[in-house]
C-alpha atoms as a PDB file:
ATOM      1  CA  MET A   1       8.066 -38.584  12.906  1.00  0.00           C
ATOM      2  CA  LEU A   2       8.864 -37.526  16.447  1.00  0.00           C
ATOM      3  CA  THR A   3       6.426 -37.247  19.306  1.00  0.00           C
ATOM      4  CA  ARG A   4       7.066 -34.580  21.937  1.00  0.00           C
ATOM      5  CA  HIS A   5       5.085 -33.202  24.867  1.00  0.00           C
ATOM      6  CA  VAL A   6       4.996 -29.681  26.313  1.00  0.00           C
ATOM      7  CA  GLY A   7       8.360 -28.843  27.862  1.00  0.00           C
ATOM      8  CA  GLU A   8      10.238 -31.468  25.881  1.00  0.00           C
ATOM      9  CA  ARG A   9      12.877 -30.538  23.342  1.00  0.00           C
ATOM     10  CA  ILE A  10      14.753 -31.698  20.298  1.00  0.00           C
ATOM     11  CA  VAL A  11      18.461 -30.930  19.917  1.00  0.00           C
ATOM     12  CA  ILE A  12      19.933 -30.686  16.423  1.00  0.00           C
ATOM     13  CA  ASP A  13      23.689 -30.811  16.082  1.00  0.00           C
ATOM     14  CA  GLN A  14      25.562 -28.664  18.617  1.00  0.00           C
ATOM     15  CA  GLY A  15      23.435 -25.724  19.464  1.00  0.00           C
ATOM     16  CA  ILE A  16      20.078 -25.852  17.715  1.00  0.00           C
ATOM     17  CA  GLU A  17      17.273 -26.619  20.100  1.00  0.00           C
ATOM     18  CA  VAL A  18      13.508 -26.800  19.456  1.00  0.00           C
ATOM     19  CA  ILE A  19      11.262 -26.700  22.532  1.00  0.00           C
ATOM     20  CA  VAL A  20       7.531 -27.473  22.638  1.00  0.00           C
ATOM     21  CA  HIS A  21       5.867 -24.660  24.609  1.00  0.00           C
ATOM     22  CA  LYS A  22       2.166 -25.137  24.027  1.00  0.00           C
ATOM     23  CA  ILE A  23      -0.145 -27.509  22.189  1.00  0.00           C
ATOM     24  CA  SER A  24      -3.713 -26.568  21.324  1.00  0.00           C
ATOM     25  CA  ARG A  25      -6.281 -27.989  18.926  1.00  0.00           C
ATOM     26  CA  SER A  26      -4.609 -27.180  15.632  1.00  0.00           C
ATOM     27  CA  THR A  27      -1.410 -25.370  16.586  1.00  0.00           C
ATOM     28  CA  VAL A  28       1.823 -26.060  18.336  1.00  0.00           C
ATOM     29  CA  LYS A  29       3.917 -23.228  19.780  1.00  0.00           C
ATOM     30  CA  LEU A  30       7.629 -23.890  19.515  1.00  0.00           C
ATOM     31  CA  GLY A  31      10.649 -22.128  20.870  1.00  0.00           C
ATOM     32  CA  VAL A  32      13.904 -22.233  18.920  1.00  0.00           C
ATOM     33  CA  ARG A  33      17.388 -21.621  20.317  1.00  0.00           C
ATOM     34  CA  VAL A  34      20.182 -21.249  17.815  1.00  0.00           C
ATOM     35  CA  PRO A  35      23.744 -19.968  17.895  1.00  0.00           C
ATOM     36  CA  LYS A  36      24.196 -16.269  17.167  1.00  0.00           C
ATOM     37  CA  GLY A  37      24.275 -15.619  13.450  1.00  0.00           C
ATOM     38  CA  VAL A  38      22.106 -18.588  12.451  1.00  0.00           C
ATOM     39  CA  LEU A  39      19.134 -17.572  10.310  1.00  0.00           C
ATOM     40  CA  VAL A  40      15.752 -18.996  11.340  1.00  0.00           C
ATOM     41  CA  LEU A  41      12.759 -18.570   9.025  1.00  0.00           C
ATOM     42  CA  ARG A  42       9.252 -19.999   8.902  1.00  0.00           C
ATOM     43  CA  GLY A  43       8.932 -22.530   6.080  1.00  0.00           C
ATOM     44  CA  GLU A  44       6.604 -20.363   3.994  1.00  0.00           C
ATOM     45  CA  VAL A  45       9.034 -17.426   4.213  1.00  0.00           C
ATOM     46  CA  TRP A  46      11.954 -19.653   3.190  1.00  0.00           C
ATOM     47  CA  ASP A  47       9.922 -20.933   0.211  1.00  0.00           C
ATOM     48  CA  ALA A  48       8.980 -17.393  -0.892  1.00  0.00           C
ATOM     49  CA  VAL A  49      12.610 -16.223  -0.721  1.00  0.00           C
ATOM     50  CA  ALA A  50      13.726 -19.276  -2.707  1.00  0.00           C
ATOM     51  CA  ARG A  51      11.061 -18.600  -5.397  1.00  0.00           C
ATOM     52  CA  GLU A  52      12.161 -14.958  -5.685  1.00  0.00           C
ATOM     53  CA  ASN A  53      15.816 -15.981  -5.945  1.00  0.00           C
ATOM     54  CA  ARG A  54      15.049 -18.489  -8.709  1.00  0.00           C
ATOM     55  CA  ALA A  55      12.995 -15.882 -10.603  1.00  0.00           C
ATOM     56  CA  ALA A  56      15.785 -13.291 -10.293  1.00  0.00           C
ATOM     57  CA  ALA A  57      18.350 -15.794 -11.571  1.00  0.00           C
ATOM     58  CA  GLU A  58      16.279 -16.369 -14.721  1.00  0.00           C
ATOM     59  CA  ILE A  59      16.203 -12.693 -15.745  1.00  0.00           C
ATOM     60  CA  GLU A  60      18.428 -11.940 -18.735  1.00  0.00           C
ATOM     61  CA  PHE A  61      20.132  -8.563 -18.851  1.00  0.00           C
ATOM     62  CA  ASP A  62      21.157  -6.626 -21.951  1.00  0.00           C
ATOM     63  CA  GLU A  63      24.467  -5.261 -20.673  1.00  0.00           C
ATOM     64  CA  ASP A  64      24.877  -2.812 -23.581  1.00  0.00           C
ATOM     65  CA  ALA A  65      21.430  -1.306 -22.935  1.00  0.00           C
ATOM     66  CA  ILE A  66      22.244  -0.911 -19.233  1.00  0.00           C
ATOM     67  CA  VAL A  67      25.565   0.827 -19.972  1.00  0.00           C
ATOM     68  CA  ASN A  68      23.952   3.103 -22.571  1.00  0.00           C
ATOM     69  CA  ALA A  69      21.147   4.024 -20.159  1.00  0.00           C
ATOM     70  CA  ALA A  70      23.715   4.827 -17.454  1.00  0.00           C
ATOM     71  CA  ILE A  71      25.656   7.056 -19.839  1.00  0.00           C
ATOM     72  CA  GLN A  72      22.489   8.923 -20.841  1.00  0.00           C
ATOM     73  CA  VAL A  73      21.567   9.771 -17.231  1.00  0.00           C
ATOM     74  CA  THR A  74      25.057  10.957 -16.305  1.00  0.00           C
ATOM     75  CA  PRO A  75      24.950  14.723 -15.657  1.00  0.00           C
ATOM     76  CA  GLU A  76      26.742  16.716 -18.363  1.00  0.00           C
ATOM     77  CA  SER A  77      29.009  18.371 -15.810  1.00  0.00           C
ATOM     78  CA  GLU A  78      30.606  14.998 -15.080  1.00  0.00           C
ATOM     79  CA  ASN A  79      31.443  14.464 -18.769  1.00  0.00           C
ATOM     80  CA  GLU A  80      33.250  17.801 -19.195  1.00  0.00           C
ATOM     81  CA  PRO A  81      37.084  17.867 -19.030  1.00  0.00           C
END
């Protein structure tokens, strides 16, 4: 556990910086500086994305049914010689 006051910061590795901007009764406002291209998400968003990814990975696909469905929706003009 770290203790920080308004205006103080935490530096992670070489370029990730967390700054305490404001402290009120039940909330803390933080600023985050990261190198360009680094993704920053709130924890609950990260968790939701991870849940969706796990659920998508568990879906089983019937490849033959997908191919047959694709063939059926192909316009007839594309199948003509």
